[in-house]
Amino acid sequence: MKTKKGRKCTGLSVELLARTAETLKLLAHPQRLKIVEILDVNGSSPVHIIAEQLDLPQAATSQHLNQMKRVGLINAERKGKEVWYSVGDPRALTILGCIRKSGGCS
């Protein structure tokens, strides 16, 4: 297999594929994809704002956020008494962009 620049591609490591599969599994949930969208639009948000926009209890929203933070999809930063979340992995935005294009958004 060759890359665009003509170099021979030796293949992807099983470790990389396993990490990527775990990330994709986490994103394969409508509420988590919506979190990425909220963070893309807002830049960063505290959990109560995200929960409100998801129309989910704050505890359920926190669980989603913690799972996403664990694999690096989102970042968390403490600001006073609140934790603010932002997109930590730009690949999540790439996936969201693909979804937007396939859904008629551009």
N, C-alpha and C. Protein backbone atom coordinates (compact mmCIF):
# COMPACT_ATOMS: atom_id res chain seq x y z
N MET A 1 0.85 -1.17 0.00
CA MET A 1 0.00 0.00 0.00
C MET A 1 0.89 1.23 0.00
N LYS A 2 0.53 2.25 -0.80
CA LYS A 2 1.32 3.46 -0.87
C LYS A 2 0.51 4.65 -0.36
N THR A 3 1.22 5.60 0.24
CA THR A 3 0.59 6.82 0.71
C THR A 3 0.48 7.80 -0.45
N LYS A 4 -0.14 8.96 -0.21
CA LYS A 4 -0.28 9.97 -1.26
C LYS A 4 1.05 10.48 -1.76
N LYS A 5 2.07 10.49 -0.89
CA LYS A 5 3.38 10.99 -1.29
C LYS A 5 4.24 9.91 -1.93
N GLY A 6 3.66 8.73 -2.16
CA GLY A 6 4.38 7.67 -2.83
C GLY A 6 5.21 6.79 -1.93
N ARG A 7 5.26 7.10 -0.61
CA ARG A 7 6.01 6.26 0.32
C ARG A 7 5.22 5.00 0.61
N LYS A 8 5.93 3.94 0.87
CA LYS A 8 5.28 2.69 1.20
C LYS A 8 4.76 2.76 2.64
N CYS A 9 3.50 2.38 2.82
CA CYS A 9 2.88 2.37 4.14
C CYS A 9 3.04 0.97 4.71
N THR A 10 3.62 0.89 5.89
CA THR A 10 3.87 -0.42 6.49
C THR A 10 2.68 -0.95 7.26
N GLY A 11 1.62 -0.19 7.35
CA GLY A 11 0.43 -0.64 8.07
C GLY A 11 0.34 0.02 9.43
N LEU A 12 -0.82 -0.03 9.97
CA LEU A 12 -1.10 0.58 11.27
C LEU A 12 -0.89 -0.45 12.37
N SER A 13 -0.40 0.01 13.50
CA SER A 13 -0.17 -0.92 14.60
C SER A 13 -1.50 -1.34 15.22
N VAL A 14 -1.50 -2.51 15.80
CA VAL A 14 -2.69 -3.01 16.48
C VAL A 14 -3.04 -2.11 17.65
N GLU A 15 -2.04 -1.56 18.31
CA GLU A 15 -2.28 -0.66 19.45
C GLU A 15 -3.00 0.60 19.00
N LEU A 16 -2.55 1.19 17.88
CA LEU A 16 -3.20 2.38 17.36
C LEU A 16 -4.64 2.06 16.96
N LEU A 17 -4.82 0.95 16.29
CA LEU A 17 -6.18 0.56 15.87
C LEU A 17 -7.08 0.30 17.07
N ALA A 18 -6.54 -0.28 18.13
CA ALA A 18 -7.33 -0.54 19.34
C ALA A 18 -7.75 0.78 20.00
N ARG A 19 -6.81 1.73 20.09
CA ARG A 19 -7.15 3.04 20.69
C ARG A 19 -8.19 3.77 19.84
N THR A 20 -8.02 3.69 18.52
CA THR A 20 -8.96 4.35 17.62
C THR A 20 -10.33 3.70 17.71
N ALA A 21 -10.38 2.39 17.80
CA ALA A 21 -11.66 1.69 17.94
C ALA A 21 -12.37 2.09 19.22
N GLU A 22 -11.62 2.23 20.31
CA GLU A 22 -12.21 2.64 21.59
C GLU A 22 -12.79 4.05 21.47
N THR A 23 -12.07 4.93 20.81
CA THR A 23 -12.54 6.30 20.62
C THR A 23 -13.80 6.31 19.76
N LEU A 24 -13.80 5.55 18.68
CA LEU A 24 -14.97 5.51 17.80
C LEU A 24 -16.18 4.91 18.51
N LYS A 25 -15.96 3.91 19.36
CA LYS A 25 -17.06 3.35 20.14
C LYS A 25 -17.70 4.40 21.03
N LEU A 26 -16.85 5.22 21.66
CA LEU A 26 -17.39 6.28 22.52
C LEU A 26 -18.16 7.31 21.71
N LEU A 27 -17.68 7.64 20.53
CA LEU A 27 -18.37 8.62 19.70
C LEU A 27 -19.63 8.05 19.04
N ALA A 28 -19.77 6.74 19.04
CA ALA A 28 -20.92 6.10 18.41
C ALA A 28 -22.13 6.12 19.34
N HIS A 29 -22.35 7.26 19.96
CA HIS A 29 -23.48 7.46 20.87
C HIS A 29 -24.04 8.85 20.58
N PRO A 30 -25.34 8.98 20.35
CA PRO A 30 -25.88 10.27 19.95
C PRO A 30 -25.66 11.39 20.96
N GLN A 31 -25.72 11.10 22.24
CA GLN A 31 -25.51 12.15 23.25
C GLN A 31 -24.06 12.63 23.24
N ARG A 32 -23.13 11.71 23.03
CA ARG A 32 -21.72 12.10 23.01
C ARG A 32 -21.38 12.90 21.76
N LEU A 33 -21.97 12.52 20.64
CA LEU A 33 -21.79 13.32 19.43
C LEU A 33 -22.37 14.71 19.62
N LYS A 34 -23.50 14.79 20.30
CA LYS A 34 -24.11 16.10 20.57
C LYS A 34 -23.21 16.93 21.48
N ILE A 35 -22.55 16.28 22.44
CA ILE A 35 -21.60 17.00 23.30
C ILE A 35 -20.50 17.62 22.45
N VAL A 36 -19.96 16.85 21.50
CA VAL A 36 -18.92 17.39 20.62
C VAL A 36 -19.47 18.59 19.85
N GLU A 37 -20.70 18.48 19.37
CA GLU A 37 -21.30 19.59 18.63
C GLU A 37 -21.46 20.82 19.53
N ILE A 38 -21.95 20.63 20.74
CA ILE A 38 -22.13 21.73 21.69
C ILE A 38 -20.78 22.42 21.95
N LEU A 39 -19.76 21.61 22.18
CA LEU A 39 -18.44 22.18 22.46
C LEU A 39 -17.84 22.85 21.22
N ASP A 40 -18.16 22.34 20.05
CA ASP A 40 -17.69 22.97 18.82
C ASP A 40 -18.33 24.35 18.67
N VAL A 41 -19.61 24.46 18.94
CA VAL A 41 -20.32 25.73 18.80
C VAL A 41 -19.94 26.70 19.92
N ASN A 42 -19.90 26.21 21.16
CA ASN A 42 -19.66 27.08 22.32
C ASN A 42 -18.18 27.34 22.59
N GLY A 43 -17.31 26.51 22.08
CA GLY A 43 -15.89 26.61 22.41
C GLY A 43 -15.58 25.84 23.67
N SER A 44 -16.18 26.21 24.77
CA SER A 44 -16.08 25.45 26.01
C SER A 44 -17.32 25.75 26.84
N SER A 45 -17.66 24.82 27.71
CA SER A 45 -18.88 24.96 28.52
C SER A 45 -18.74 24.17 29.80
N PRO A 46 -19.42 24.64 30.87
CA PRO A 46 -19.48 23.85 32.09
C PRO A 46 -20.57 22.77 31.95
N VAL A 47 -20.51 21.78 32.81
CA VAL A 47 -21.40 20.64 32.71
C VAL A 47 -22.87 21.04 32.76
N HIS A 48 -23.24 22.02 33.57
CA HIS A 48 -24.66 22.35 33.67
C HIS A 48 -25.22 22.93 32.37
N ILE A 49 -24.41 23.64 31.62
CA ILE A 49 -24.85 24.17 30.32
C ILE A 49 -24.99 23.03 29.32
N ILE A 50 -24.03 22.12 29.32
CA ILE A 50 -24.09 20.97 28.41
C ILE A 50 -25.31 20.12 28.74
N ALA A 51 -25.54 19.85 30.01
CA ALA A 51 -26.69 19.05 30.44
C ALA A 51 -28.00 19.70 30.01
N GLU A 52 -28.07 21.01 30.15
CA GLU A 52 -29.28 21.74 29.76
C GLU A 52 -29.53 21.61 28.26
N GLN A 53 -28.48 21.75 27.47
CA GLN A 53 -28.63 21.66 26.01
C GLN A 53 -28.93 20.23 25.55
N LEU A 54 -28.47 19.25 26.32
CA LEU A 54 -28.76 17.84 26.00
C LEU A 54 -30.13 17.42 26.50
N ASP A 55 -30.68 18.19 27.44
CA ASP A 55 -31.91 17.83 28.13
C ASP A 55 -31.73 16.49 28.86
N LEU A 56 -30.58 16.39 29.55
CA LEU A 56 -30.23 15.22 30.35
C LEU A 56 -29.93 15.67 31.77
N PRO A 57 -30.10 14.78 32.74
CA PRO A 57 -29.66 15.12 34.10
C PRO A 57 -28.15 15.39 34.12
N GLN A 58 -27.74 16.25 35.04
CA GLN A 58 -26.32 16.59 35.13
C GLN A 58 -25.47 15.37 35.42
N ALA A 59 -25.96 14.43 36.23
CA ALA A 59 -25.18 13.23 36.55
C ALA A 59 -24.91 12.39 35.31
N ALA A 60 -25.92 12.21 34.46
CA ALA A 60 -25.74 11.44 33.22
C ALA A 60 -24.77 12.15 32.29
N THR A 61 -24.90 13.47 32.21
CA THR A 61 -23.99 14.25 31.36
C THR A 61 -22.56 14.12 31.87
N SER A 62 -22.37 14.18 33.17
CA SER A 62 -21.03 14.04 33.76
C SER A 62 -20.42 12.68 33.43
N GLN A 63 -21.23 11.64 33.43
CA GLN A 63 -20.71 10.31 33.07
C GLN A 63 -20.22 10.29 31.63
N HIS A 64 -21.00 10.86 30.72
CA HIS A 64 -20.56 10.93 29.32
C HIS A 64 -19.26 11.72 29.21
N LEU A 65 -19.21 12.86 29.88
CA LEU A 65 -18.01 13.71 29.82
C LEU A 65 -16.78 12.98 30.37
N ASN A 66 -16.94 12.27 31.46
CA ASN A 66 -15.82 11.53 32.05
C ASN A 66 -15.31 10.44 31.13
N GLN A 67 -16.23 9.73 30.48
CA GLN A 67 -15.80 8.69 29.53
C GLN A 67 -15.03 9.30 28.37
N MET A 68 -15.51 10.43 27.88
CA MET A 68 -14.84 11.10 26.75
C MET A 68 -13.50 11.68 27.17
N LYS A 69 -13.43 12.19 28.39
CA LYS A 69 -12.17 12.75 28.90
C LYS A 69 -11.13 11.65 29.08
N ARG A 70 -11.57 10.48 29.49
CA ARG A 70 -10.66 9.35 29.74
C ARG A 70 -9.85 8.99 28.49
N VAL A 71 -10.45 9.10 27.31
CA VAL A 71 -9.73 8.76 26.08
C VAL A 71 -9.20 9.98 25.35
N GLY A 72 -9.32 11.16 25.96
CA GLY A 72 -8.74 12.36 25.38
C GLY A 72 -9.60 13.08 24.35
N LEU A 73 -10.87 12.70 24.22
CA LEU A 73 -11.73 13.39 23.27
C LEU A 73 -12.04 14.81 23.71
N ILE A 74 -12.11 15.00 25.02
CA ILE A 74 -12.38 16.34 25.54
C ILE A 74 -11.37 16.66 26.64
N ASN A 75 -11.21 17.96 26.87
CA ASN A 75 -10.36 18.46 27.95
C ASN A 75 -11.25 19.03 29.03
N ALA A 76 -10.74 19.04 30.24
CA ALA A 76 -11.45 19.64 31.38
C ALA A 76 -10.51 20.63 32.06
N GLU A 77 -11.04 21.81 32.36
CA GLU A 77 -10.26 22.84 33.02
C GLU A 77 -11.10 23.46 34.14
N ARG A 78 -10.56 23.47 35.34
CA ARG A 78 -11.28 24.05 36.47
C ARG A 78 -11.18 25.57 36.40
N LYS A 79 -12.33 26.22 36.49
CA LYS A 79 -12.42 27.68 36.55
C LYS A 79 -13.27 28.01 37.77
N GLY A 80 -12.61 28.34 38.87
CA GLY A 80 -13.34 28.57 40.11
C GLY A 80 -13.95 27.28 40.61
N LYS A 81 -15.25 27.28 40.82
CA LYS A 81 -15.93 26.09 41.32
C LYS A 81 -16.41 25.18 40.19
N GLU A 82 -16.31 25.64 38.96
CA GLU A 82 -16.82 24.87 37.83
C GLU A 82 -15.69 24.24 37.02
N VAL A 83 -16.03 23.14 36.37
CA VAL A 83 -15.13 22.52 35.41
C VAL A 83 -15.69 22.82 34.03
N TRP A 84 -14.86 23.40 33.19
CA TRP A 84 -15.26 23.73 31.82
C TRP A 84 -14.65 22.70 30.87
N TYR A 85 -15.43 22.27 29.91
CA TYR A 85 -15.03 21.24 28.97
C TYR A 85 -14.85 21.84 27.58
N SER A 86 -13.89 21.30 26.85
CA SER A 86 -13.64 21.71 25.47
C SER A 86 -13.19 20.49 24.68
N VAL A 87 -13.24 20.60 23.37
CA VAL A 87 -12.81 19.49 22.51
C VAL A 87 -11.31 19.32 22.66
N GLY A 88 -10.88 18.11 22.95
CA GLY A 88 -9.47 17.82 23.15
C GLY A 88 -8.81 17.12 21.98
N ASP A 89 -9.61 16.53 21.14
CA ASP A 89 -9.08 15.79 20.00
C ASP A 89 -9.76 16.31 18.74
N PRO A 90 -9.01 16.99 17.87
CA PRO A 90 -9.62 17.57 16.66
C PRO A 90 -10.24 16.53 15.73
N ARG A 91 -9.86 15.27 15.88
CA ARG A 91 -10.48 14.23 15.04
C ARG A 91 -11.96 14.09 15.33
N ALA A 92 -12.39 14.42 16.56
CA ALA A 92 -13.81 14.39 16.89
C ALA A 92 -14.56 15.43 16.05
N LEU A 93 -13.92 16.57 15.82
CA LEU A 93 -14.54 17.61 14.98
C LEU A 93 -14.55 17.19 13.52
N THR A 94 -13.54 16.45 13.09
CA THR A 94 -13.51 15.93 11.72
C THR A 94 -14.68 14.98 11.50
N ILE A 95 -14.91 14.09 12.47
CA ILE A 95 -16.04 13.15 12.37
C ILE A 95 -17.35 13.92 12.36
N LEU A 96 -17.48 14.92 13.23
CA LEU A 96 -18.69 15.74 13.27
C LEU A 96 -18.89 16.46 11.93
N GLY A 97 -17.81 16.94 11.35
CA GLY A 97 -17.89 17.60 10.05
C GLY A 97 -18.40 16.65 8.97
N CYS A 98 -17.95 15.41 8.99
CA CYS A 98 -18.43 14.41 8.03
C CYS A 98 -19.92 14.15 8.22
N ILE A 99 -20.35 14.08 9.47
CA ILE A 99 -21.77 13.86 9.76
C ILE A 99 -22.59 15.06 9.26
N ARG A 100 -22.07 16.26 9.51
CA ARG A 100 -22.80 17.45 9.05
C ARG A 100 -22.94 17.44 7.53
N LYS A 101 -21.89 17.10 6.83
CA LYS A 101 -21.95 17.06 5.37
C LYS A 101 -22.92 16.00 4.88
N SER A 102 -22.92 14.83 5.49
CA SER A 102 -23.82 13.76 5.05
C SER A 102 -25.27 14.07 5.41
N GLY A 103 -25.47 14.95 6.41
CA GLY A 103 -26.82 15.32 6.83
C GLY A 103 -27.33 16.59 6.16
N GLY A 104 -26.58 17.12 5.22
CA GLY A 104 -27.03 18.30 4.48
C GLY A 104 -26.51 19.60 5.06
N CYS A 105 -25.73 19.55 6.14
CA CYS A 105 -25.14 20.78 6.70
C CYS A 105 -23.76 20.96 6.09
N SER A 106 -23.36 22.22 5.97
CA SER A 106 -21.99 22.45 5.49
C SER A 106 -21.34 23.57 6.24
